[in-house]
N, C-alpha and C. Protein backbone atom coordinates (compact mmCIF):
# COMPACT_ATOMS: atom_id res chain seq x y z
N MET A 1 0.82 -1.19 0.00
CA MET A 1 0.00 0.00 0.00
C MET A 1 0.87 1.26 0.00
N SER A 2 1.94 1.27 0.81
CA SER A 2 2.79 2.47 0.88
C SER A 2 3.49 2.73 -0.46
N LYS A 3 3.86 1.67 -1.19
CA LYS A 3 4.46 1.87 -2.51
C LYS A 3 3.47 2.52 -3.46
N TRP A 4 2.21 2.14 -3.39
CA TRP A 4 1.19 2.73 -4.24
C TRP A 4 1.01 4.21 -3.91
N VAL A 5 1.01 4.54 -2.64
CA VAL A 5 0.88 5.94 -2.23
C VAL A 5 2.07 6.74 -2.74
N ASP A 6 3.28 6.20 -2.63
CA ASP A 6 4.47 6.90 -3.13
C ASP A 6 4.41 7.11 -4.64
N MET A 7 3.85 6.15 -5.36
CA MET A 7 3.75 6.28 -6.80
C MET A 7 2.80 7.40 -7.21
N ASN A 8 1.76 7.62 -6.43
CA ASN A 8 0.74 8.59 -6.78
C ASN A 8 0.93 9.93 -6.10
N GLU A 9 2.02 10.13 -5.43
CA GLU A 9 2.26 11.37 -4.70
C GLU A 9 2.72 12.46 -5.64
N SER A 10 2.29 13.67 -5.36
CA SER A 10 2.73 14.80 -6.18
C SER A 10 4.17 15.16 -5.84
N ILE A 11 4.82 15.84 -6.76
CA ILE A 11 6.20 16.28 -6.60
C ILE A 11 6.20 17.80 -6.70
N ILE A 12 6.84 18.47 -5.75
CA ILE A 12 6.95 19.92 -5.77
C ILE A 12 8.33 20.26 -6.30
N LYS A 13 8.37 21.05 -7.37
CA LYS A 13 9.65 21.43 -7.97
C LYS A 13 9.75 22.95 -8.02
N PRO A 14 10.86 23.50 -7.56
CA PRO A 14 11.07 24.93 -7.76
C PRO A 14 11.59 25.18 -9.17
N THR A 15 10.95 26.10 -9.87
CA THR A 15 11.40 26.47 -11.22
C THR A 15 11.98 27.87 -11.18
N LEU A 16 12.97 28.11 -12.01
CA LEU A 16 13.66 29.39 -12.03
C LEU A 16 13.65 29.97 -13.44
N HIS A 17 13.22 31.23 -13.57
CA HIS A 17 13.17 31.92 -14.85
C HIS A 17 13.80 33.30 -14.70
N ARG A 18 14.50 33.72 -15.72
CA ARG A 18 15.09 35.06 -15.73
C ARG A 18 14.04 36.04 -16.26
N ARG A 19 13.85 37.13 -15.51
CA ARG A 19 12.83 38.13 -15.86
C ARG A 19 13.47 39.49 -16.02
N ALA A 20 13.10 40.19 -17.08
CA ALA A 20 13.60 41.55 -17.29
C ALA A 20 12.77 42.51 -16.44
N HIS A 21 13.46 43.41 -15.78
CA HIS A 21 12.81 44.45 -14.97
C HIS A 21 13.53 45.75 -15.26
N GLY A 22 13.10 46.44 -16.32
CA GLY A 22 13.83 47.62 -16.75
C GLY A 22 15.18 47.19 -17.30
N PRO A 23 16.24 47.89 -16.97
CA PRO A 23 17.57 47.51 -17.46
C PRO A 23 18.18 46.35 -16.67
N ASN A 24 17.54 45.96 -15.59
CA ASN A 24 18.06 44.90 -14.72
C ASN A 24 17.28 43.60 -14.94
N TYR A 25 17.86 42.52 -14.43
CA TYR A 25 17.19 41.22 -14.49
C TYR A 25 16.94 40.72 -13.07
N TRP A 26 15.81 40.05 -12.90
CA TRP A 26 15.49 39.35 -11.67
C TRP A 26 15.31 37.89 -12.01
N TYR A 27 15.44 37.05 -11.03
CA TYR A 27 15.27 35.62 -11.22
C TYR A 27 14.05 35.18 -10.45
N ARG A 28 13.04 34.71 -11.18
CA ARG A 28 11.76 34.36 -10.57
C ARG A 28 11.73 32.88 -10.23
N LEU A 29 11.45 32.61 -8.96
CA LEU A 29 11.32 31.25 -8.45
C LEU A 29 9.84 30.97 -8.23
N GLN A 30 9.36 29.86 -8.77
CA GLN A 30 7.98 29.45 -8.55
C GLN A 30 7.96 27.99 -8.15
N LEU A 31 7.14 27.67 -7.15
CA LEU A 31 6.96 26.28 -6.75
C LEU A 31 5.85 25.68 -7.60
N VAL A 32 6.17 24.60 -8.29
CA VAL A 32 5.22 23.97 -9.21
C VAL A 32 4.95 22.55 -8.73
N GLU A 33 3.68 22.19 -8.69
CA GLU A 33 3.30 20.85 -8.27
C GLU A 33 3.08 19.98 -9.50
N GLU A 34 3.81 18.88 -9.57
CA GLU A 34 3.67 17.94 -10.67
C GLU A 34 3.16 16.62 -10.11
N HIS A 35 2.39 15.93 -10.92
CA HIS A 35 1.81 14.66 -10.49
C HIS A 35 2.32 13.55 -11.39
N ASP A 36 2.65 12.42 -10.78
CA ASP A 36 3.07 11.26 -11.55
C ASP A 36 1.89 10.76 -12.38
N ASP A 37 2.16 10.44 -13.63
CA ASP A 37 1.15 9.86 -14.53
C ASP A 37 -0.11 10.71 -14.63
N ASP A 38 0.02 12.01 -14.44
CA ASP A 38 -1.12 12.94 -14.55
C ASP A 38 -2.26 12.63 -13.59
N ILE A 39 -1.96 12.03 -12.45
CA ILE A 39 -2.99 11.74 -11.46
C ILE A 39 -3.16 12.98 -10.60
N ARG A 40 -4.37 13.45 -10.47
CA ARG A 40 -4.66 14.64 -9.66
C ARG A 40 -5.17 14.20 -8.29
N LEU A 41 -4.45 14.61 -7.26
CA LEU A 41 -4.85 14.26 -5.91
C LEU A 41 -5.62 15.42 -5.29
N ALA A 42 -6.50 15.12 -4.38
CA ALA A 42 -7.35 16.14 -3.75
C ALA A 42 -6.70 16.74 -2.52
N THR A 43 -5.45 16.38 -2.23
CA THR A 43 -4.80 16.88 -1.03
C THR A 43 -3.64 17.81 -1.39
N PRO A 44 -3.86 19.12 -1.36
CA PRO A 44 -2.78 20.06 -1.67
C PRO A 44 -1.90 20.37 -0.46
N ALA A 45 -1.96 19.55 0.56
CA ALA A 45 -1.23 19.82 1.80
C ALA A 45 0.28 19.89 1.58
N LYS A 46 0.83 19.07 0.71
CA LYS A 46 2.28 19.07 0.50
C LYS A 46 2.72 20.41 -0.10
N LEU A 47 2.00 20.91 -1.09
CA LEU A 47 2.33 22.20 -1.68
C LEU A 47 2.18 23.31 -0.65
N ASP A 48 1.12 23.27 0.14
CA ASP A 48 0.92 24.28 1.19
C ASP A 48 2.08 24.28 2.18
N ASN A 49 2.51 23.09 2.57
CA ASN A 49 3.64 22.98 3.51
C ASN A 49 4.93 23.52 2.90
N CYS A 50 5.16 23.24 1.63
CA CYS A 50 6.36 23.75 0.95
C CYS A 50 6.33 25.27 0.86
N VAL A 51 5.16 25.84 0.55
CA VAL A 51 5.04 27.30 0.44
C VAL A 51 5.27 27.95 1.80
N ARG A 52 4.69 27.38 2.85
CA ARG A 52 4.89 27.94 4.20
C ARG A 52 6.36 27.87 4.61
N TRP A 53 7.01 26.75 4.34
CA TRP A 53 8.43 26.59 4.66
C TRP A 53 9.26 27.60 3.88
N THR A 54 8.97 27.75 2.59
CA THR A 54 9.69 28.71 1.75
C THR A 54 9.48 30.13 2.25
N GLU A 55 8.26 30.47 2.58
CA GLU A 55 7.94 31.80 3.11
C GLU A 55 8.76 32.09 4.37
N ASP A 56 8.82 31.13 5.25
CA ASP A 56 9.55 31.30 6.50
C ASP A 56 11.05 31.48 6.25
N LYS A 57 11.61 30.71 5.32
CA LYS A 57 13.04 30.78 5.04
C LYS A 57 13.43 32.07 4.31
N LEU A 58 12.59 32.57 3.43
CA LEU A 58 12.96 33.69 2.58
C LEU A 58 12.58 35.07 3.11
N LYS A 59 11.82 35.13 4.18
CA LYS A 59 11.38 36.44 4.65
C LYS A 59 12.54 37.31 5.15
N GLU A 60 13.65 36.74 5.51
CA GLU A 60 14.81 37.50 5.99
C GLU A 60 15.91 37.65 4.95
N TRP A 61 15.75 37.04 3.78
CA TRP A 61 16.79 37.11 2.75
C TRP A 61 16.79 38.48 2.10
N PRO A 62 17.96 39.12 2.01
CA PRO A 62 18.03 40.40 1.29
C PRO A 62 17.91 40.15 -0.21
N ASP A 63 17.43 41.12 -0.92
CA ASP A 63 17.29 41.05 -2.38
C ASP A 63 16.39 39.91 -2.84
N CYS A 64 15.38 39.60 -2.03
CA CYS A 64 14.39 38.60 -2.39
C CYS A 64 13.02 39.16 -2.02
N ASN A 65 12.09 39.17 -2.99
CA ASN A 65 10.77 39.71 -2.74
C ASN A 65 9.71 38.70 -3.13
N ARG A 66 8.69 38.58 -2.29
CA ARG A 66 7.58 37.69 -2.61
C ARG A 66 6.64 38.42 -3.55
N LYS A 67 6.24 37.75 -4.63
CA LYS A 67 5.38 38.35 -5.64
C LYS A 67 3.98 37.76 -5.65
N ALA A 68 3.84 36.52 -5.24
CA ALA A 68 2.54 35.85 -5.21
C ALA A 68 2.63 34.73 -4.17
N TRP A 69 1.56 33.98 -4.05
CA TRP A 69 1.50 32.92 -3.04
C TRP A 69 2.66 31.94 -3.19
N ASP A 70 3.01 31.60 -4.42
CA ASP A 70 4.05 30.60 -4.67
C ASP A 70 5.20 31.13 -5.53
N ILE A 71 5.38 32.47 -5.57
CA ILE A 71 6.39 33.08 -6.44
C ILE A 71 7.23 34.08 -5.66
N TRP A 72 8.57 33.98 -5.86
CA TRP A 72 9.52 34.93 -5.26
C TRP A 72 10.48 35.40 -6.35
N ASP A 73 10.91 36.66 -6.25
CA ASP A 73 11.92 37.20 -7.16
C ASP A 73 13.23 37.40 -6.40
N PHE A 74 14.32 36.97 -7.02
CA PHE A 74 15.67 37.13 -6.47
C PHE A 74 16.44 38.10 -7.36
N LYS A 75 17.25 38.93 -6.76
CA LYS A 75 18.07 39.85 -7.53
C LYS A 75 19.25 39.12 -8.17
N TYR A 76 19.76 38.11 -7.50
CA TYR A 76 20.95 37.40 -7.97
C TYR A 76 20.63 35.92 -8.21
N ARG A 77 21.12 35.42 -9.33
CA ARG A 77 20.90 34.02 -9.67
C ARG A 77 21.52 33.08 -8.64
N LYS A 78 22.71 33.42 -8.15
CA LYS A 78 23.38 32.54 -7.19
C LYS A 78 22.55 32.38 -5.92
N ASP A 79 21.84 33.42 -5.49
CA ASP A 79 20.98 33.30 -4.31
C ASP A 79 19.79 32.39 -4.60
N ALA A 80 19.21 32.52 -5.78
CA ALA A 80 18.09 31.65 -6.15
C ALA A 80 18.53 30.20 -6.22
N GLU A 81 19.69 29.95 -6.80
CA GLU A 81 20.19 28.58 -6.89
C GLU A 81 20.56 28.02 -5.52
N LYS A 82 21.07 28.86 -4.65
CA LYS A 82 21.38 28.43 -3.28
C LYS A 82 20.09 28.01 -2.57
N PHE A 83 19.03 28.80 -2.75
CA PHE A 83 17.77 28.44 -2.12
C PHE A 83 17.21 27.14 -2.70
N ILE A 84 17.30 26.96 -4.01
CA ILE A 84 16.80 25.73 -4.62
C ILE A 84 17.53 24.52 -4.06
N THR A 85 18.83 24.65 -3.83
CA THR A 85 19.59 23.55 -3.22
C THR A 85 19.06 23.26 -1.81
N MET A 86 18.82 24.30 -1.03
CA MET A 86 18.25 24.11 0.32
C MET A 86 16.88 23.45 0.23
N PHE A 87 16.08 23.86 -0.73
CA PHE A 87 14.74 23.29 -0.91
C PHE A 87 14.83 21.79 -1.17
N TYR A 88 15.70 21.40 -2.10
CA TYR A 88 15.82 19.97 -2.41
C TYR A 88 16.38 19.16 -1.25
N LEU A 89 17.26 19.76 -0.45
CA LEU A 89 17.77 19.04 0.71
C LEU A 89 16.66 18.81 1.74
N ARG A 90 15.77 19.76 1.88
CA ARG A 90 14.68 19.65 2.85
C ARG A 90 13.53 18.78 2.34
N TRP A 91 13.18 18.94 1.06
CA TRP A 91 11.99 18.27 0.51
C TRP A 91 12.35 17.14 -0.44
N ALA A 92 13.47 16.46 -0.17
CA ALA A 92 13.84 15.31 -1.01
C ALA A 92 12.74 14.27 -0.95
N ARG A 93 12.51 13.66 -2.07
CA ARG A 93 11.42 12.69 -2.16
C ARG A 93 11.78 11.41 -1.49
């Protein structure tokens, strides 16, 4: 039973995109929920937990601004990549 649950569990992935903001660039991080085999689960608790954890970790980071519920902008790519590494260490599948 536990193997079946693991197979159908959603995966939260942080995605990073470069965004133009005037003459400068920002790096936009968004948490995206993916489902194995396109199975849609009715429990968004994992995504909610990841967003709360991310919110808590990033509220003190300089040059990082929250733009939406699941989106943050970083001024520097290295900071965004550092956070993504922390995210994967915490939320490893």
